[in-house]
Amino acid sequence: AAIGGIVGSLISGRVRKRIGFGKVVIGSEWILAGL
């Protein structure tokens, strides 16, 4: 879990630039519900 958190923080900038702020907020909520 700790490794996942580190990886997430490292790729967050690229993810936001690629898909946009709103899609990150919406998509992350759906992903977390599924996970």
PDB file of all heavy atoms in Angstrom:
ATOM      1  N   ALA A   1       0.831  -1.204   0.000  1.00  0.00           N
ATOM      2  CA  ALA A   1       0.000   0.000   0.000  1.00  0.00           C
ATOM      3  C   ALA A   1       0.866   1.254   0.000  1.00  0.00           C
ATOM      4  O   ALA A   1       0.571   2.238  -0.704  1.00  0.00           O
ATOM      5  CB  ALA A   1      -0.935  -0.010   1.208  1.00  0.00           C
ATOM      6  N   ALA A   2       1.943   1.234   0.792  1.00  0.00           N
ATOM      7  CA  ALA A   2       2.844   2.385   0.832  1.00  0.00           C
ATOM      8  C   ALA A   2       3.523   2.601  -0.516  1.00  0.00           C
ATOM      9  O   ALA A   2       3.664   3.750  -0.975  1.00  0.00           O
ATOM     10  CB  ALA A   2       3.892   2.183   1.925  1.00  0.00           C
ATOM     11  N   ILE A   3       3.920   1.521  -1.160  1.00  0.00           N
ATOM     12  CA  ILE A   3       4.532   1.628  -2.481  1.00  0.00           C
ATOM     13  C   ILE A   3       3.544   2.226  -3.481  1.00  0.00           C
ATOM     14  O   ILE A   3       3.892   3.077  -4.311  1.00  0.00           O
ATOM     15  CB  ILE A   3       5.028   0.252  -2.956  1.00  0.00           C
ATOM     16  CG1 ILE A   3       6.183  -0.231  -2.072  1.00  0.00           C
ATOM     17  CG2 ILE A   3       5.458   0.302  -4.420  1.00  0.00           C
ATOM     18  CD1 ILE A   3       6.617  -1.654  -2.345  1.00  0.00           C
ATOM     19  N   GLY A   4       2.303   1.785  -3.406  1.00  0.00           N
ATOM     20  CA  GLY A   4       1.273   2.329  -4.283  1.00  0.00           C
ATOM     21  C   GLY A   4       1.094   3.821  -4.109  1.00  0.00           C
ATOM     22  O   GLY A   4       0.934   4.560  -5.085  1.00  0.00           O
ATOM     23  N   GLY A   5       1.147   4.284  -2.856  1.00  0.00           N
ATOM     24  CA  GLY A   5       1.027   5.712  -2.592  1.00  0.00           C
ATOM     25  C   GLY A   5       2.170   6.503  -3.200  1.00  0.00           C
ATOM     26  O   GLY A   5       1.964   7.599  -3.758  1.00  0.00           O
ATOM     27  N   ILE A   6       3.375   5.963  -3.105  1.00  0.00           N
ATOM     28  CA  ILE A   6       4.537   6.643  -3.682  1.00  0.00           C
ATOM     29  C   ILE A   6       4.426   6.719  -5.204  1.00  0.00           C
ATOM     30  O   ILE A   6       4.658   7.771  -5.817  1.00  0.00           O
ATOM     31  CB  ILE A   6       5.835   5.922  -3.274  1.00  0.00           C
ATOM     32  CG1 ILE A   6       6.043   6.026  -1.757  1.00  0.00           C
ATOM     33  CG2 ILE A   6       7.034   6.499  -4.017  1.00  0.00           C
ATOM     34  CD1 ILE A   6       7.178   5.167  -1.236  1.00  0.00           C
ATOM     35  N   VAL A   7       4.042   5.604  -5.809  1.00  0.00           N
ATOM     36  CA  VAL A   7       3.895   5.581  -7.262  1.00  0.00           C
ATOM     37  C   VAL A   7       2.825   6.573  -7.715  1.00  0.00           C
ATOM     38  O   VAL A   7       2.996   7.310  -8.693  1.00  0.00           O
ATOM     39  CB  VAL A   7       3.552   4.159  -7.746  1.00  0.00           C
ATOM     40  CG1 VAL A   7       3.199   4.157  -9.235  1.00  0.00           C
ATOM     41  CG2 VAL A   7       4.710   3.211  -7.476  1.00  0.00           C
ATOM     42  N   GLY A   8       1.721   6.608  -6.987  1.00  0.00           N
ATOM     43  CA  GLY A   8       0.646   7.525  -7.330  1.00  0.00           C
ATOM     44  C   GLY A   8       1.075   8.971  -7.297  1.00  0.00           C
ATOM     45  O   GLY A   8       0.730   9.767  -8.185  1.00  0.00           O
ATOM     46  N   SER A   9       1.849   9.338  -6.280  1.00  0.00           N
ATOM     47  CA  SER A   9       2.315  10.725  -6.188  1.00  0.00           C
ATOM     48  C   SER A   9       3.282  11.071  -7.320  1.00  0.00           C
ATOM     49  O   SER A   9       3.315  12.209  -7.788  1.00  0.00           O
ATOM     50  CB  SER A   9       2.988  10.958  -4.834  1.00  0.00           C
ATOM     51  OG  SER A   9       4.173  10.180  -4.702  1.00  0.00           O
ATOM     52  N   LEU A  10       4.047  10.086  -7.776  1.00  0.00           N
ATOM     53  CA  LEU A  10       5.019  10.331  -8.843  1.00  0.00           C
ATOM     54  C   LEU A  10       4.354  10.529 -10.204  1.00  0.00           C
ATOM     55  O   LEU A  10       4.852  11.291 -11.044  1.00  0.00           O
ATOM     56  CB  LEU A  10       6.010   9.169  -8.924  1.00  0.00           C
ATOM     57  CG  LEU A  10       6.970   9.011  -7.741  1.00  0.00           C
ATOM     58  CD1 LEU A  10       7.819   7.753  -7.905  1.00  0.00           C
ATOM     59  CD2 LEU A  10       7.869  10.234  -7.601  1.00  0.00           C
ATOM     60  N   ILE A  11       3.238   9.858 -10.429  1.00  0.00           N
ATOM     61  CA  ILE A  11       2.597   9.931 -11.748  1.00  0.00           C
ATOM     62  C   ILE A  11       1.432  10.910 -11.781  1.00  0.00           C
ATOM     63  O   ILE A  11       0.836  11.122 -12.842  1.00  0.00           O
ATOM     64  CB  ILE A  11       2.091   8.540 -12.185  1.00  0.00           C
ATOM     65  CG1 ILE A  11       0.957   8.068 -11.275  1.00  0.00           C
ATOM     66  CG2 ILE A  11       3.231   7.543 -12.215  1.00  0.00           C
ATOM     67  CD1 ILE A  11       0.303   6.773 -11.740  1.00  0.00           C
ATOM     68  N   SER A  12       1.105  11.537 -10.658  1.00  0.00           N
ATOM     69  CA  SER A  12      -0.096  12.378 -10.590  1.00  0.00           C
ATOM     70  C   SER A  12      -0.052  13.544 -11.572  1.00  0.00           C
ATOM     71  O   SER A  12      -1.065  13.884 -12.201  1.00  0.00           O
ATOM     72  CB  SER A  12      -0.293  12.905  -9.164  1.00  0.00           C
ATOM     73  OG  SER A  12       0.835  13.652  -8.743  1.00  0.00           O
ATOM     74  N   GLY A  13       1.127  14.164 -11.713  1.00  0.00           N
ATOM     75  CA  GLY A  13       1.235  15.294 -12.633  1.00  0.00           C
ATOM     76  C   GLY A  13       0.956  14.889 -14.065  1.00  0.00           C
ATOM     77  O   GLY A  13       0.226  15.579 -14.793  1.00  0.00           O
ATOM     78  N   ARG A  14       1.512  13.761 -14.474  1.00  0.00           N
ATOM     79  CA  ARG A  14       1.285  13.289 -15.838  1.00  0.00           C
ATOM     80  C   ARG A  14      -0.170  12.905 -16.057  1.00  0.00           C
ATOM     81  O   ARG A  14      -0.738  13.147 -17.134  1.00  0.00           O
ATOM     82  CB  ARG A  14       2.189  12.084 -16.120  1.00  0.00           C
ATOM     83  CG  ARG A  14       3.681  12.408 -16.113  1.00  0.00           C
ATOM     84  CD  ARG A  14       4.499  11.166 -16.392  1.00  0.00           C
ATOM     85  NE  ARG A  14       5.934  11.449 -16.361  1.00  0.00           N
ATOM     86  CZ  ARG A  14       6.879  10.542 -16.532  1.00  0.00           C
ATOM     87  NH1 ARG A  14       6.531   9.271 -16.756  1.00  0.00           N
ATOM     88  NH2 ARG A  14       8.146  10.877 -16.476  1.00  0.00           N
ATOM     89  N   VAL A  15      -0.768  12.288 -15.045  1.00  0.00           N
ATOM     90  CA  VAL A  15      -2.169  11.879 -15.176  1.00  0.00           C
ATOM     91  C   VAL A  15      -3.064  13.093 -15.361  1.00  0.00           C
ATOM     92  O   VAL A  15      -3.947  13.112 -16.227  1.00  0.00           O
ATOM     93  CB  VAL A  15      -2.608  11.072 -13.939  1.00  0.00           C
ATOM     94  CG1 VAL A  15      -4.114  10.818 -13.961  1.00  0.00           C
ATOM     95  CG2 VAL A  15      -1.852   9.746 -13.867  1.00  0.00           C
ATOM     96  N   ARG A  16      -2.822  14.147 -14.569  1.00  0.00           N
ATOM     97  CA  ARG A  16      -3.656  15.341 -14.687  1.00  0.00           C
ATOM     98  C   ARG A  16      -3.488  16.004 -16.047  1.00  0.00           C
ATOM     99  O   ARG A  16      -4.443  16.443 -16.680  1.00  0.00           O
ATOM    100  CB  ARG A  16      -3.323  16.337 -13.586  1.00  0.00           C
ATOM    101  CG  ARG A  16      -4.183  17.589 -13.678  1.00  0.00           C
ATOM    102  CD  ARG A  16      -3.668  18.686 -12.768  1.00  0.00           C
ATOM    103  NE  ARG A  16      -4.281  19.936 -13.158  1.00  0.00           N
ATOM    104  CZ  ARG A  16      -3.833  20.746 -14.108  1.00  0.00           C
ATOM    105  NH1 ARG A  16      -2.742  20.434 -14.754  1.00  0.00           N
ATOM    106  NH2 ARG A  16      -4.466  21.854 -14.427  1.00  0.00           N
ATOM    107  N   LYS A  17      -2.256  16.083 -16.531  1.00  0.00           N
ATOM    108  CA  LYS A  17      -2.028  16.711 -17.832  1.00  0.00           C
ATOM    109  C   LYS A  17      -2.669  15.910 -18.958  1.00  0.00           C
ATOM    110  O   LYS A  17      -3.141  16.478 -19.940  1.00  0.00           O
ATOM    111  CB  LYS A  17      -0.524  16.841 -18.080  1.00  0.00           C
ATOM    112  CG  LYS A  17       0.154  17.894 -17.213  1.00  0.00           C
ATOM    113  CD  LYS A  17       1.649  17.966 -17.510  1.00  0.00           C
ATOM    114  CE  LYS A  17       2.339  19.010 -16.633  1.00  0.00           C
ATOM    115  NZ  LYS A  17       3.803  19.068 -16.900  1.00  0.00           N
ATOM    116  N   ARG A  18      -2.700  14.595 -18.798  1.00  0.00           N
ATOM    117  CA  ARG A  18      -3.206  13.744 -19.871  1.00  0.00           C
ATOM    118  C   ARG A  18      -4.734  13.723 -19.901  1.00  0.00           C
ATOM    119  O   ARG A  18      -5.325  13.787 -20.994  1.00  0.00           O
ATOM    120  CB  ARG A  18      -2.671  12.319 -19.715  1.00  0.00           C
ATOM    121  CG  ARG A  18      -3.125  11.353 -20.799  1.00  0.00           C
ATOM    122  CD  ARG A  18      -2.447  10.006 -20.622  1.00  0.00           C
ATOM    123  NE  ARG A  18      -1.023  10.109 -20.880  1.00  0.00           N
ATOM    124  CZ  ARG A  18      -0.465   9.948 -22.074  1.00  0.00           C
ATOM    125  NH1 ARG A  18      -1.236   9.677 -23.124  1.00  0.00           N
ATOM    126  NH2 ARG A  18       0.834  10.023 -22.233  1.00  0.00           N
ATOM    127  N   ILE A  19      -5.385  13.633 -18.750  1.00  0.00           N
ATOM    128  CA  ILE A  19      -6.841  13.446 -18.767  1.00  0.00           C
ATOM    129  C   ILE A  19      -7.609  14.621 -18.168  1.00  0.00           C
ATOM    130  O   ILE A  19      -8.823  14.696 -18.321  1.00  0.00           O
ATOM    131  CB  ILE A  19      -7.251  12.138 -18.061  1.00  0.00           C
ATOM    132  CG1 ILE A  19      -7.008  12.226 -16.553  1.00  0.00           C
ATOM    133  CG2 ILE A  19      -6.519  10.954 -18.644  1.00  0.00           C
ATOM    134  CD1 ILE A  19      -7.519  11.016 -15.808  1.00  0.00           C
ATOM    135  N   GLY A  20      -6.953  15.536 -17.467  1.00  0.00           N
ATOM    136  CA  GLY A  20      -7.637  16.721 -16.949  1.00  0.00           C
ATOM    137  C   GLY A  20      -8.102  16.576 -15.515  1.00  0.00           C
ATOM    138  O   GLY A  20      -8.317  15.461 -15.015  1.00  0.00           O
ATOM    139  N   PHE A  21      -8.271  17.715 -14.869  1.00  0.00           N
ATOM    140  CA  PHE A  21      -8.619  17.750 -13.447  1.00  0.00           C
ATOM    141  C   PHE A  21      -9.959  17.085 -13.162  1.00  0.00           C
ATOM    142  O   PHE A  21     -10.081  16.225 -12.290  1.00  0.00           O
ATOM    143  CB  PHE A  21      -8.637  19.199 -12.957  1.00  0.00           C
ATOM    144  CG  PHE A  21      -9.089  19.365 -11.538  1.00  0.00           C
ATOM    145  CD1 PHE A  21      -8.233  19.087 -10.490  1.00  0.00           C
ATOM    146  CD2 PHE A  21     -10.369  19.789 -11.252  1.00  0.00           C
ATOM    147  CE1 PHE A  21      -8.654  19.216  -9.171  1.00  0.00           C
ATOM    148  CE2 PHE A  21     -10.790  19.938  -9.945  1.00  0.00           C
ATOM    149  CZ  PHE A  21      -9.936  19.660  -8.901  1.00  0.00           C
ATOM    150  N   GLY A  22     -11.010  17.493 -13.888  1.00  0.00           N
ATOM    151  CA  GLY A  22     -12.339  16.965 -13.621  1.00  0.00           C
ATOM    152  C   GLY A  22     -12.413  15.462 -13.792  1.00  0.00           C
ATOM    153  O   GLY A  22     -13.026  14.757 -12.983  1.00  0.00           O
ATOM    154  N   LYS A  23     -11.776  14.945 -14.843  1.00  0.00           N
ATOM    155  CA  LYS A  23     -11.809  13.501 -15.085  1.00  0.00           C
ATOM    156  C   LYS A  23     -11.035  12.742 -14.017  1.00  0.00           C
ATOM    157  O   LYS A  23     -11.383  11.611 -13.676  1.00  0.00           O
ATOM    158  CB  LYS A  23     -11.260  13.199 -16.472  1.00  0.00           C
ATOM    159  CG  LYS A  23     -12.177  13.660 -17.602  1.00  0.00           C
ATOM    160  CD  LYS A  23     -11.598  13.327 -18.957  1.00  0.00           C
ATOM    161  CE  LYS A  23     -12.517  13.799 -20.085  1.00  0.00           C
ATOM    162  NZ  LYS A  23     -11.958  13.521 -21.418  1.00  0.00           N
ATOM    163  N   VAL A  24      -9.980  13.358 -13.489  1.00  0.00           N
ATOM    164  CA  VAL A  24      -9.242  12.704 -12.395  1.00  0.00           C
ATOM    165  C   VAL A  24     -10.135  12.579 -11.166  1.00  0.00           C
ATOM    166  O   VAL A  24     -10.208  11.516 -10.536  1.00  0.00           O
ATOM    167  CB  VAL A  24      -7.970  13.497 -12.050  1.00  0.00           C
ATOM    168  CG1 VAL A  24      -7.348  12.964 -10.755  1.00  0.00           C
ATOM    169  CG2 VAL A  24      -6.955  13.408 -13.173  1.00  0.00           C
ATOM    170  N   VAL A  25     -10.828  13.660 -10.823  1.00  0.00           N
ATOM    171  CA  VAL A  25     -11.696  13.640  -9.642  1.00  0.00           C
ATOM    172  C   VAL A  25     -12.816  12.629  -9.813  1.00  0.00           C
ATOM    173  O   VAL A  25     -13.082  11.803  -8.917  1.00  0.00           O
ATOM    174  CB  VAL A  25     -12.258  15.051  -9.376  1.00  0.00           C
ATOM    175  CG1 VAL A  25     -13.278  15.010  -8.233  1.00  0.00           C
ATOM    176  CG2 VAL A  25     -11.141  16.022  -9.039  1.00  0.00           C
ATOM    177  N   ILE A  26     -13.485  12.673 -10.964  1.00  0.00           N
ATOM    178  CA  ILE A  26     -14.603  11.752 -11.194  1.00  0.00           C
ATOM    179  C   ILE A  26     -14.111  10.311 -11.319  1.00  0.00           C
ATOM    180  O   ILE A  26     -14.650   9.398 -10.678  1.00  0.00           O
ATOM    181  CB  ILE A  26     -15.367  12.166 -12.469  1.00  0.00           C
ATOM    182  CG1 ILE A  26     -16.067  13.500 -12.252  1.00  0.00           C
ATOM    183  CG2 ILE A  26     -16.391  11.090 -12.855  1.00  0.00           C
ATOM    184  CD1 ILE A  26     -16.676  14.094 -13.504  1.00  0.00           C
ATOM    185  N   GLY A  27     -13.085  10.105 -12.134  1.00  0.00           N
ATOM    186  CA  GLY A  27     -12.592   8.755 -12.360  1.00  0.00           C
ATOM    187  C   GLY A  27     -12.062   8.094 -11.103  1.00  0.00           C
ATOM    188  O   GLY A  27     -12.307   6.899 -10.872  1.00  0.00           O
ATOM    189  N   SER A  28     -11.362   8.856 -10.282  1.00  0.00           N
ATOM    190  CA  SER A  28     -10.797   8.269  -9.059  1.00  0.00           C
ATOM    191  C   SER A  28     -11.891   7.795  -8.113  1.00  0.00           C
ATOM    192  O   SER A  28     -11.734   6.760  -7.448  1.00  0.00           O
ATOM    193  CB  SER A  28      -9.881   9.270  -8.354  1.00  0.00           C
ATOM    194  OG  SER A  28     -10.595  10.425  -7.952  1.00  0.00           O
ATOM    195  N   GLU A  29     -13.015   8.523  -8.057  1.00  0.00           N
ATOM    196  CA  GLU A  29     -14.107   8.099  -7.180  1.00  0.00           C
ATOM    197  C   GLU A  29     -14.717   6.780  -7.647  1.00  0.00           C
ATOM    198  O   GLU A  29     -14.996   5.892  -6.841  1.00  0.00           O
ATOM    199  CB  GLU A  29     -15.187   9.180  -7.120  1.00  0.00           C
ATOM    200  CG  GLU A  29     -14.735  10.498  -6.499  1.00  0.00           C
ATOM    201  CD  GLU A  29     -14.273  10.344  -5.059  1.00  0.00           C
ATOM    202  OE1 GLU A  29     -14.807   9.458  -4.352  1.00  0.00           O
ATOM    203  OE2 GLU A  29     -13.374  11.083  -4.646  1.00  0.00           O
ATOM    204  N   TRP A  30     -14.906   6.642  -8.953  1.00  0.00           N
ATOM    205  CA  TRP A  30     -15.450   5.381  -9.473  1.00  0.00           C
ATOM    206  C   TRP A  30     -14.457   4.230  -9.311  1.00  0.00           C
ATOM    207  O   TRP A  30     -14.853   3.103  -8.968  1.00  0.00           O
ATOM    208  CB  TRP A  30     -15.822   5.542 -10.945  1.00  0.00           C
ATOM    209  CG  TRP A  30     -17.086   6.314 -11.171  1.00  0.00           C
ATOM    210  CD1 TRP A  30     -17.219   7.552 -11.722  1.00  0.00           C
ATOM    211  CD2 TRP A  30     -18.420   5.888 -10.830  1.00  0.00           C
ATOM    212  NE1 TRP A  30     -18.540   7.932 -11.747  1.00  0.00           N
ATOM    213  CE2 TRP A  30     -19.299   6.934 -11.208  1.00  0.00           C
ATOM    214  CE3 TRP A  30     -18.942   4.740 -10.249  1.00  0.00           C
ATOM    215  CZ2 TRP A  30     -20.679   6.856 -11.020  1.00  0.00           C
ATOM    216  CZ3 TRP A  30     -20.322   4.654 -10.055  1.00  0.00           C
ATOM    217  CH2 TRP A  30     -21.167   5.706 -10.444  1.00  0.00           C
ATOM    218  N   ILE A  31     -13.190   4.500  -9.547  1.00  0.00           N
ATOM    219  CA  ILE A  31     -12.171   3.457  -9.395  1.00  0.00           C
ATOM    220  C   ILE A  31     -12.113   2.970  -7.954  1.00  0.00           C
ATOM    221  O   ILE A  31     -12.050   1.760  -7.688  1.00  0.00           O
ATOM    222  CB  ILE A  31     -10.796   3.977  -9.849  1.00  0.00           C
ATOM    223  CG1 ILE A  31     -10.791   4.172 -11.370  1.00  0.00           C
ATOM    224  CG2 ILE A  31      -9.686   3.007  -9.442  1.00  0.00           C
ATOM    225  CD1 ILE A  31      -9.551   4.881 -11.887  1.00  0.00           C
ATOM    226  N   LEU A  32     -12.152   3.902  -7.005  1.00  0.00           N
ATOM    227  CA  LEU A  32     -12.089   3.520  -5.595  1.00  0.00           C
ATOM    228  C   LEU A  32     -13.313   2.717  -5.173  1.00  0.00           C
ATOM    229  O   LEU A  32     -13.195   1.770  -4.382  1.00  0.00           O
ATOM    230  CB  LEU A  32     -11.941   4.767  -4.723  1.00  0.00           C
ATOM    231  CG  LEU A  32     -10.570   5.442  -4.779  1.00  0.00           C
ATOM    232  CD1 LEU A  32     -10.585   6.744  -3.995  1.00  0.00           C
ATOM    233  CD2 LEU A  32      -9.495   4.515  -4.238  1.00  0.00           C
ATOM    234  N   ALA A  33     -14.480   3.076  -5.700  1.00  0.00           N
ATOM    235  CA  ALA A  33     -15.685   2.309  -5.370  1.00  0.00           C
ATOM    236  C   ALA A  33     -15.555   0.874  -5.868  1.00  0.00           C
ATOM    237  O   ALA A  33     -15.910  -0.084  -5.162  1.00  0.00           O
ATOM    238  CB  ALA A  33     -16.917   2.982  -5.979  1.00  0.00           C
ATOM    239  N   GLY A  34     -15.021   0.713  -7.100  1.00  0.00           N
ATOM    240  CA  GLY A  34     -14.831  -0.629  -7.631  1.00  0.00           C
ATOM    241  C   GLY A  34     -13.768  -1.414  -6.884  1.00  0.00           C
ATOM    242  O   GLY A  34     -13.963  -2.596  -6.564  1.00  0.00           O
ATOM    243  N   LEU A  35     -12.644  -0.766  -6.596  1.00  0.00           N
ATOM    244  CA  LEU A  35     -11.570  -1.447  -5.877  1.00  0.00           C
ATOM    245  C   LEU A  35     -11.995  -1.850  -4.470  1.00  0.00           C
ATOM    246  O   LEU A  35     -11.613  -2.927  -3.983  1.00  0.00           O
ATOM    247  CB  LEU A  35     -10.340  -0.544  -5.811  1.00  0.00           C
ATOM    248  CG  LEU A  35      -9.565  -0.327  -7.113  1.00  0.00           C
ATOM    249  CD1 LEU A  35      -8.477   0.725  -6.922  1.00  0.00           C
ATOM    250  CD2 LEU A  35      -8.950  -1.645  -7.601  1.00  0.00           C
TER     251      LEU A  35
END
